[in-house]
Amino acid sequence: KIGGIGTVPVGRVETGIIKPGMVVTFSPANITTEVKSVEMHHEALTEANPGDNVGFNVRNLSVKDLKRGYVASDSKNDPAKDTQFFNAQVIVMNHPGQISNGYAPVLDCHTAHI
């Protein structure tokens, strides 16, 4: 929360773009709101592209509504949603012990520690 501005989530644009006026949905909470402005290094942007680390001001949303790891996506273009399972290809580069049935690995994916 930034005084006089409101709630400003920050994060990296992974795919697509984010720009002022865009309606975004935060998943998995399924909260929808409008982006008022987008900034990078204290400079306003007309749009942010993949790889950009940005802050974006959102309408009518409290800091308490958002949690670390939430994903903001375009509400009008197949927004992100939660899932019960997913398939992944995992390549083990180095492991000190033996891996067998029942092994429960720790998975780090961006900001999530599962």
Protein backbone atom coordinates (compact mmCIF):
# COMPACT_ATOMS: atom_id res chain seq x y z
CA LYS A 1 0.00 0.00 0.00
CA ILE A 2 1.37 3.37 -1.01
CA GLY A 3 -0.09 6.48 0.64
CA GLY A 4 -2.17 8.63 -1.71
CA ILE A 5 -2.03 6.00 -4.45
CA GLY A 6 -3.55 2.85 -2.95
CA THR A 7 -2.76 -0.81 -3.47
CA VAL A 8 0.20 -1.47 -5.76
CA PRO A 9 0.95 -5.15 -6.42
CA VAL A 10 4.45 -5.78 -7.76
CA GLY A 11 5.79 -8.62 -9.83
CA ARG A 12 7.27 -9.82 -13.06
CA VAL A 13 5.37 -10.02 -16.34
CA GLU A 14 5.84 -13.67 -17.38
CA THR A 15 3.70 -13.74 -20.54
CA GLY A 16 1.47 -11.28 -22.36
CA ILE A 17 1.29 -7.61 -21.38
CA ILE A 18 -0.21 -5.45 -18.67
CA LYS A 19 -1.36 -1.89 -19.30
CA PRO A 20 -3.54 0.81 -17.72
CA GLY A 21 -7.27 0.29 -18.27
CA MET A 22 -6.89 -3.48 -18.46
CA VAL A 23 -9.24 -5.59 -16.31
CA VAL A 24 -7.28 -8.27 -14.44
CA THR A 25 -8.26 -11.27 -12.32
CA PHE A 26 -6.11 -12.34 -9.36
CA SER A 27 -6.00 -16.11 -9.01
CA PRO A 28 -6.66 -18.28 -7.10
CA ALA A 29 -8.83 -15.77 -5.17
CA ASN A 30 -10.82 -14.92 -8.35
CA ILE A 31 -10.80 -11.17 -7.59
CA THR A 32 -11.33 -8.90 -10.60
CA THR A 33 -10.31 -5.24 -10.77
CA GLU A 34 -9.05 -2.56 -13.16
CA VAL A 35 -5.41 -1.51 -13.55
CA LYS A 36 -5.13 2.27 -13.08
CA SER A 37 -1.43 2.65 -13.85
CA VAL A 38 1.73 0.63 -14.48
CA GLU A 39 5.21 1.75 -13.35
CA MET A 40 8.76 0.46 -13.63
CA HIS A 41 11.56 2.21 -11.69
CA HIS A 42 9.16 5.06 -10.80
CA GLU A 43 8.37 5.77 -14.46
CA ALA A 44 4.85 5.37 -15.86
CA LEU A 45 4.51 2.86 -18.71
CA THR A 46 1.90 2.58 -21.45
CA GLU A 47 2.39 -1.19 -21.24
CA ALA A 48 4.73 -3.72 -19.64
CA ASN A 49 6.11 -6.72 -21.53
CA PRO A 50 7.47 -10.15 -20.53
CA GLY A 51 10.53 -9.86 -18.31
CA ASP A 52 9.57 -6.44 -16.90
CA ASN A 53 9.41 -6.11 -13.10
CA VAL A 54 6.58 -3.67 -12.46
CA GLY A 55 4.22 -2.21 -9.91
CA PHE A 56 0.64 -1.57 -10.96
CA ASN A 57 -2.03 0.43 -9.18
CA VAL A 58 -5.43 -1.30 -8.93
CA ARG A 59 -8.92 0.00 -8.16
CA ASN A 60 -11.00 -0.88 -5.08
CA LEU A 61 -8.67 -3.54 -3.75
CA SER A 62 -7.17 -3.80 -0.27
CA VAL A 63 -3.70 -5.11 0.49
CA LYS A 64 -5.43 -7.73 2.67
CA ASP A 65 -7.22 -9.12 -0.42
CA LEU A 66 -3.93 -10.20 -2.01
CA LYS A 67 -1.32 -12.74 -0.96
CA ARG A 68 2.20 -13.52 -2.13
CA GLY A 69 2.12 -15.82 -5.15
CA TYR A 70 -1.24 -14.67 -6.54
CA VAL A 71 -1.27 -14.41 -10.33
CA ALA A 72 -2.78 -11.45 -12.20
CA SER A 73 -4.09 -12.25 -15.68
CA ASP A 74 -6.24 -10.64 -18.37
CA SER A 75 -9.89 -11.20 -17.43
CA LYS A 76 -10.96 -11.09 -21.07
CA ASN A 77 -8.37 -13.53 -22.41
CA ASP A 78 -8.45 -16.95 -20.67
CA PRO A 79 -7.58 -15.84 -17.11
CA ALA A 80 -5.42 -18.09 -14.92
CA LYS A 81 -7.23 -20.45 -12.58
CA ASP A 82 -6.30 -22.96 -9.90
CA THR A 83 -5.94 -26.66 -10.60
CA GLN A 84 -6.03 -29.89 -8.63
CA PHE A 85 -3.07 -31.42 -10.49
CA PHE A 86 -0.67 -30.89 -13.37
CA ASN A 87 1.87 -32.90 -15.32
CA ALA A 88 5.50 -31.87 -15.33
CA GLN A 89 8.72 -33.11 -16.82
CA VAL A 90 11.36 -33.08 -14.10
CA ILE A 91 15.07 -33.47 -14.72
CA VAL A 92 17.15 -34.21 -11.62
CA MET A 93 20.57 -32.65 -12.13
CA ASN A 94 22.13 -33.63 -8.82
CA HIS A 95 20.69 -35.58 -5.86
CA PRO A 96 22.69 -36.79 -2.86
CA GLY A 97 20.47 -39.79 -2.01
CA GLN A 98 18.40 -42.46 -3.70
CA ILE A 99 15.01 -41.67 -5.26
CA SER A 100 12.39 -44.42 -4.97
CA ASN A 101 8.59 -44.85 -4.87
CA GLY A 102 7.00 -42.62 -2.25
CA TYR A 103 9.74 -39.98 -2.40
CA ALA A 104 8.25 -36.53 -1.70
CA PRO A 105 10.37 -33.80 -3.30
CA VAL A 106 10.30 -30.11 -2.45
CA LEU A 107 9.34 -28.03 -5.48
CA ASP A 108 10.26 -24.36 -5.84
CA CYS A 109 8.34 -22.54 -8.53
CA HIS A 110 8.93 -18.77 -8.64
CA THR A 111 7.66 -17.56 -5.23
CA ALA A 112 5.91 -20.79 -4.19
CA HIS A 113 7.60 -23.39 -1.97
CA ILE A 114 5.59 -26.64 -2.25
